[in-house]
N, C-alpha and C. Protein backbone atom coordinates (compact mmCIF):
# COMPACT_ATOMS: atom_id res chain seq x y z
N GLY A 1 -9.10 -44.28 -9.45
CA GLY A 1 -8.08 -42.50 -8.95
C GLY A 1 -9.39 -41.94 -8.20
N VAL A 2 -8.20 -41.18 -7.27
CA VAL A 2 -9.05 -40.15 -6.43
C VAL A 2 -9.00 -38.81 -6.84
N MET A 3 -10.17 -37.66 -6.45
CA MET A 3 -9.76 -36.07 -6.63
C MET A 3 -9.43 -36.08 -5.31
N ILE A 4 -8.41 -35.21 -5.34
CA ILE A 4 -7.96 -34.65 -3.76
C ILE A 4 -8.18 -33.53 -4.30
N GLY A 5 -8.44 -32.47 -5.50
CA GLY A 5 -8.35 -30.63 -5.77
C GLY A 5 -7.29 -29.85 -5.14
N ARG A 6 -7.34 -28.58 -4.71
CA ARG A 6 -6.74 -27.80 -4.21
C ARG A 6 -6.08 -28.14 -2.63
N ALA A 7 -6.64 -28.88 -2.13
CA ALA A 7 -6.35 -29.19 -0.78
C ALA A 7 -4.74 -29.41 -1.32
N ALA A 8 -4.48 -30.14 -1.91
CA ALA A 8 -3.17 -30.87 -2.12
C ALA A 8 -2.03 -29.64 -1.91
N TYR A 9 -2.93 -28.31 -3.05
CA TYR A 9 -1.65 -27.31 -3.29
C TYR A 9 -1.30 -26.50 -2.08
N HIS A 10 -2.65 -26.05 -1.31
CA HIS A 10 -2.83 -25.26 -0.28
C HIS A 10 -2.26 -25.49 0.86
N GLN A 11 -2.74 -26.91 1.51
CA GLN A 11 -2.43 -28.16 2.62
C GLN A 11 -1.64 -29.02 2.31
N PRO A 12 -0.46 -28.83 1.26
CA PRO A 12 0.32 -30.11 1.05
C PRO A 12 0.83 -31.26 2.20
N THR A 13 0.94 -30.48 3.17
CA THR A 13 1.96 -31.18 3.95
C THR A 13 0.19 -31.75 5.37
N ASP A 14 -0.56 -31.43 5.10
CA ASP A 14 -1.60 -32.06 6.15
C ASP A 14 -2.36 -33.10 5.41
N LEU A 15 -2.26 -33.10 4.03
CA LEU A 15 -2.86 -33.97 3.16
C LEU A 15 -1.90 -34.89 2.46
N LEU A 16 -0.85 -34.71 2.31
CA LEU A 16 0.20 -35.93 1.81
C LEU A 16 1.70 -36.63 2.90
N ALA A 17 1.60 -35.45 3.49
CA ALA A 17 2.89 -36.02 4.40
C ALA A 17 2.88 -37.29 5.33
N ASN A 18 1.71 -37.59 5.38
CA ASN A 18 1.45 -39.52 5.68
C ASN A 18 0.81 -40.18 4.53
N ALA A 19 0.77 -40.05 3.45
CA ALA A 19 0.44 -40.80 2.30
C ALA A 19 0.89 -42.37 2.01
N ASP A 20 2.65 -42.02 1.99
CA ASP A 20 2.86 -43.19 2.41
C ASP A 20 2.91 -44.28 3.48
N SER A 21 2.79 -44.08 4.69
CA SER A 21 2.17 -44.73 5.38
C SER A 21 0.59 -45.33 5.19
N VAL A 22 -0.21 -44.41 4.91
CA VAL A 22 -1.36 -44.89 4.41
C VAL A 22 -1.54 -45.52 3.60
N ILE A 23 -0.88 -45.38 2.59
CA ILE A 23 -1.21 -46.06 0.94
C ILE A 23 -0.70 -47.43 0.90
N PHE A 24 0.86 -47.23 1.24
CA PHE A 24 1.57 -48.39 1.16
C PHE A 24 2.35 -49.26 2.18
N ALA A 25 1.42 -48.53 3.49
CA ALA A 25 1.92 -48.77 4.81
C ALA A 25 3.30 -48.90 4.97
N GLN A 26 4.39 -47.81 4.99
CA GLN A 26 5.33 -47.28 4.95
C GLN A 26 5.56 -46.94 6.37
N ASP A 27 6.34 -46.48 6.83
CA ASP A 27 6.58 -45.84 8.09
C ASP A 27 7.27 -44.58 7.89
N ARG A 28 6.90 -44.20 6.74
CA ARG A 28 8.13 -42.84 6.88
C ARG A 28 6.82 -41.19 6.10
N VAL A 29 6.96 -40.29 7.52
CA VAL A 29 6.27 -39.64 7.44
C VAL A 29 7.10 -38.32 6.80
N ILE A 30 6.73 -37.23 5.98
CA ILE A 30 7.84 -36.11 5.24
C ILE A 30 7.59 -35.20 6.35
N ASP A 31 8.45 -34.66 6.44
CA ASP A 31 9.20 -33.51 7.12
C ASP A 31 8.75 -32.45 6.10
N PRO A 32 8.14 -31.25 6.24
CA PRO A 32 8.26 -30.07 5.65
C PRO A 32 9.69 -29.28 5.59
N VAL A 33 10.25 -29.16 6.27
CA VAL A 33 11.39 -28.59 6.95
C VAL A 33 12.60 -29.32 5.84
N ASN A 34 12.38 -30.64 5.93
CA ASN A 34 13.38 -31.71 5.25
C ASN A 34 12.87 -31.33 3.62
N VAL A 35 11.48 -30.89 3.32
CA VAL A 35 11.28 -30.64 2.40
C VAL A 35 12.15 -29.18 1.51
N VAL A 36 11.88 -28.56 2.04
CA VAL A 36 12.72 -27.31 1.95
C VAL A 36 13.86 -27.19 1.79
N HIS A 37 14.92 -27.75 2.74
CA HIS A 37 16.20 -28.59 2.19
C HIS A 37 16.60 -28.88 1.39
N GLN A 38 15.71 -29.88 0.70
CA GLN A 38 15.99 -30.84 -0.30
C GLN A 38 15.60 -30.11 -1.69
N MET A 39 14.81 -28.82 -1.79
CA MET A 39 14.34 -27.77 -2.63
C MET A 39 15.85 -26.82 -3.07
N MET A 40 16.60 -26.96 -1.87
CA MET A 40 17.51 -25.78 -2.48
C MET A 40 18.40 -26.17 -3.30
N PRO A 41 19.03 -27.38 -4.10
CA PRO A 41 19.64 -27.42 -5.23
C PRO A 41 18.68 -27.25 -5.82
N TYR A 42 17.56 -27.60 -6.23
CA TYR A 42 16.77 -27.28 -7.77
C TYR A 42 16.77 -25.68 -7.61
N ILE A 43 16.40 -25.62 -6.57
CA ILE A 43 15.99 -23.21 -6.48
C ILE A 43 17.36 -22.74 -6.69
N HIS A 44 18.94 -23.58 -6.80
CA HIS A 44 19.39 -23.24 -6.75
C HIS A 44 20.12 -23.12 -8.59
N ALA A 45 19.55 -24.42 -9.03
CA ALA A 45 19.52 -24.64 -10.76
C ALA A 45 18.88 -23.59 -11.02
N HIS A 46 18.32 -23.48 -10.52
CA HIS A 46 16.32 -22.37 -11.34
C HIS A 46 17.04 -21.26 -11.79
N ILE A 47 17.76 -20.87 -10.57
CA ILE A 47 17.87 -19.25 -10.66
C ILE A 47 19.30 -19.27 -11.40
N GLU A 48 20.44 -20.37 -11.53
CA GLU A 48 21.35 -20.09 -12.44
C GLU A 48 20.93 -20.05 -13.73
N ASN A 49 19.86 -20.41 -13.88
CA ASN A 49 19.66 -21.19 -15.73
C ASN A 49 18.60 -19.70 -15.77
N SER A 50 18.42 -18.31 -15.20
CA SER A 50 18.03 -17.18 -15.23
C SER A 50 16.04 -17.25 -15.02
N GLY A 51 16.39 -18.47 -14.15
CA GLY A 51 14.65 -18.84 -14.16
C GLY A 51 14.54 -17.66 -12.19
N ARG A 52 13.37 -17.78 -12.18
CA ARG A 52 12.88 -16.72 -11.60
C ARG A 52 12.81 -17.22 -9.49
N LEU A 53 13.05 -16.67 -8.58
CA LEU A 53 13.09 -17.52 -7.33
C LEU A 53 11.14 -17.73 -7.06
N ASN A 54 10.26 -16.52 -7.12
CA ASN A 54 8.82 -16.75 -6.69
C ASN A 54 8.37 -17.90 -8.07
N GLN A 55 9.04 -17.83 -8.78
CA GLN A 55 8.23 -18.72 -10.35
C GLN A 55 8.34 -20.40 -9.25
N ILE A 56 9.18 -20.39 -8.24
CA ILE A 56 9.04 -22.13 -7.36
C ILE A 56 8.48 -21.20 -6.06
N THR A 57 8.85 -20.58 -5.41
CA THR A 57 8.43 -20.43 -3.70
C THR A 57 6.89 -20.58 -3.75
N ARG A 58 6.12 -19.38 -5.09
CA ARG A 58 4.76 -19.55 -4.83
C ARG A 58 4.09 -20.61 -4.80
N HIS A 59 5.00 -21.57 -4.84
CA HIS A 59 4.26 -23.45 -5.07
C HIS A 59 4.65 -23.97 -3.61
N MET A 60 5.39 -23.31 -2.73
CA MET A 60 6.13 -23.62 -1.48
C MET A 60 4.72 -22.50 -0.65
N LEU A 61 4.47 -21.83 -0.99
CA LEU A 61 3.56 -21.14 0.27
C LEU A 61 3.29 -21.56 1.37
N GLY A 62 2.20 -23.02 1.05
CA GLY A 62 1.21 -23.19 1.60
C GLY A 62 2.04 -24.84 2.36
N LEU A 63 3.41 -25.11 2.65
CA LEU A 63 3.85 -25.70 2.78
C LEU A 63 3.92 -26.07 4.77
N PHE A 64 3.71 -24.82 4.71
CA PHE A 64 3.71 -25.15 6.88
C PHE A 64 2.18 -24.51 7.06
N THR A 65 1.65 -24.44 6.27
CA THR A 65 0.22 -24.50 6.85
C THR A 65 -0.46 -24.91 7.95
N GLY A 66 -0.59 -23.77 9.10
CA GLY A 66 -1.51 -24.52 10.42
C GLY A 66 -0.29 -24.59 11.41
N ARG A 67 0.97 -24.57 11.13
CA ARG A 67 2.11 -24.36 12.30
C ARG A 67 2.47 -23.20 12.33
N PRO A 68 2.97 -23.17 13.60
CA PRO A 68 3.40 -22.03 14.24
C PRO A 68 4.82 -21.38 13.17
N GLY A 69 4.69 -20.00 12.49
CA GLY A 69 5.95 -19.48 11.92
C GLY A 69 5.13 -19.41 10.67
N ALA A 70 3.88 -20.22 10.14
CA ALA A 70 3.57 -20.41 8.68
C ALA A 70 3.13 -18.97 8.08
N ARG A 71 2.77 -17.54 8.76
CA ARG A 71 3.08 -16.39 8.35
C ARG A 71 3.97 -16.00 8.45
N GLY A 72 4.92 -16.07 8.98
CA GLY A 72 6.13 -15.48 8.37
C GLY A 72 7.15 -16.06 7.11
N TRP A 73 6.73 -17.34 7.26
CA TRP A 73 7.16 -18.16 6.18
C TRP A 73 6.48 -17.76 5.01
N ARG A 74 5.10 -17.43 4.68
CA ARG A 74 4.82 -16.44 3.57
C ARG A 74 4.83 -15.51 3.79
N ARG A 75 4.76 -14.60 4.49
CA ARG A 75 5.37 -13.33 4.04
C ARG A 75 6.52 -12.93 3.80
N VAL A 76 7.53 -13.73 4.25
CA VAL A 76 9.15 -13.50 3.66
C VAL A 76 8.97 -13.96 2.49
N LEU A 77 8.28 -15.20 2.11
CA LEU A 77 8.71 -15.62 0.17
C LEU A 77 7.34 -14.75 -0.73
N SER A 78 6.78 -14.03 -0.16
CA SER A 78 5.52 -13.26 -0.91
C SER A 78 5.96 -11.71 -1.28
N GLU A 79 6.90 -11.47 0.38
CA GLU A 79 6.91 -9.48 -0.03
C GLU A 79 8.31 -9.71 -0.89
N ARG A 80 9.42 -10.41 -0.89
CA ARG A 80 10.73 -10.68 -1.03
C ARG A 80 10.99 -11.49 -2.00
N ALA A 81 10.20 -12.67 -2.90
CA ALA A 81 10.71 -13.47 -3.84
C ALA A 81 11.10 -13.25 -4.91
N HIS A 82 10.29 -11.54 -5.14
CA HIS A 82 10.62 -11.21 -6.42
C HIS A 82 11.99 -10.56 -6.60
N CYS A 83 12.70 -10.83 -5.74
CA CYS A 83 14.10 -9.80 -5.92
C CYS A 83 15.27 -10.65 -5.47
N ASP A 84 15.31 -11.36 -4.41
CA ASP A 84 16.23 -11.80 -3.44
C ASP A 84 16.67 -13.29 -3.97
N GLY A 85 17.47 -13.83 -3.72
CA GLY A 85 18.20 -15.24 -4.21
C GLY A 85 18.01 -16.32 -3.31
N PRO A 86 18.36 -17.22 -3.51
CA PRO A 86 17.63 -18.64 -2.98
C PRO A 86 17.83 -18.92 -1.11
N GLU A 87 18.65 -17.78 -0.91
CA GLU A 87 19.34 -17.66 0.61
C GLU A 87 17.67 -16.97 1.31
N LEU A 88 17.15 -16.58 0.57
CA LEU A 88 15.71 -15.80 1.16
C LEU A 88 14.48 -17.11 1.44
N VAL A 89 14.86 -18.19 0.76
CA VAL A 89 14.19 -19.54 1.37
C VAL A 89 14.41 -20.12 2.64
N LEU A 90 15.71 -19.95 3.01
CA LEU A 90 16.38 -20.50 4.61
C LEU A 90 15.43 -19.46 5.01
N GLU A 91 15.89 -18.27 5.07
CA GLU A 91 15.65 -17.07 6.10
C GLU A 91 13.91 -17.23 6.76
N ALA A 92 13.03 -17.55 5.47
CA ALA A 92 11.98 -17.67 5.67
C ALA A 92 11.53 -19.19 6.15
N LEU A 93 12.26 -20.18 6.05
CA LEU A 93 12.45 -21.15 7.16
C LEU A 93 12.35 -21.05 8.41
N GLN A 94 13.48 -19.99 8.91
CA GLN A 94 13.83 -19.60 9.55
C GLN A 94 12.76 -19.16 10.92
N GLN A 95 11.87 -18.47 10.09
CA GLN A 95 10.73 -18.09 10.41
C GLN A 95 9.85 -18.99 11.50
N VAL A 96 9.78 -20.11 11.00
CA VAL A 96 8.97 -21.31 10.94
C VAL A 96 9.82 -21.99 12.15
N ILE A 97 10.91 -22.16 12.08
CA ILE A 97 11.80 -23.06 13.04
C ILE A 97 12.16 -21.95 14.86
N GLU A 98 12.04 -20.93 14.12
CA GLU A 98 11.78 -20.10 15.67
C GLU A 98 10.85 -19.64 16.11
N ARG A 99 9.43 -19.97 15.50
CA ARG A 99 7.99 -20.12 16.00
C ARG A 99 8.15 -21.22 16.97
N GLU A 100 8.56 -22.31 16.17
CA GLU A 100 8.15 -23.79 16.44
C GLU A 100 8.92 -24.21 17.94
N ALA A 101 10.10 -23.72 18.20
CA ALA A 101 10.83 -23.75 19.06
C ALA A 101 10.50 -22.74 19.98
N ALA A 102 9.86 -21.33 19.92
CA ALA A 102 9.29 -20.73 21.03
C ALA A 102 8.17 -21.62 21.87
């Protein structure tokens, strides 16, 4: 086994995005933008079952660490996740997409 510690939580993209290609020799690289879109059905279901958005999004804060728009992503999710619905995640994602396009 390997101990990867807090890096997997705080910088998941840096550590895990290329894991399949390194460990299993697969040409699959995980894009965090796609991860967010793939999380949306889970987020909707969680909220429909009386869950709170921040119970999920607090674990997604490090997803864009080191990328343009990461600060906006974290700010939107941190400041408003206690009261808004799942569309807030897409609004936060827009922060990343707009900064990367600039």
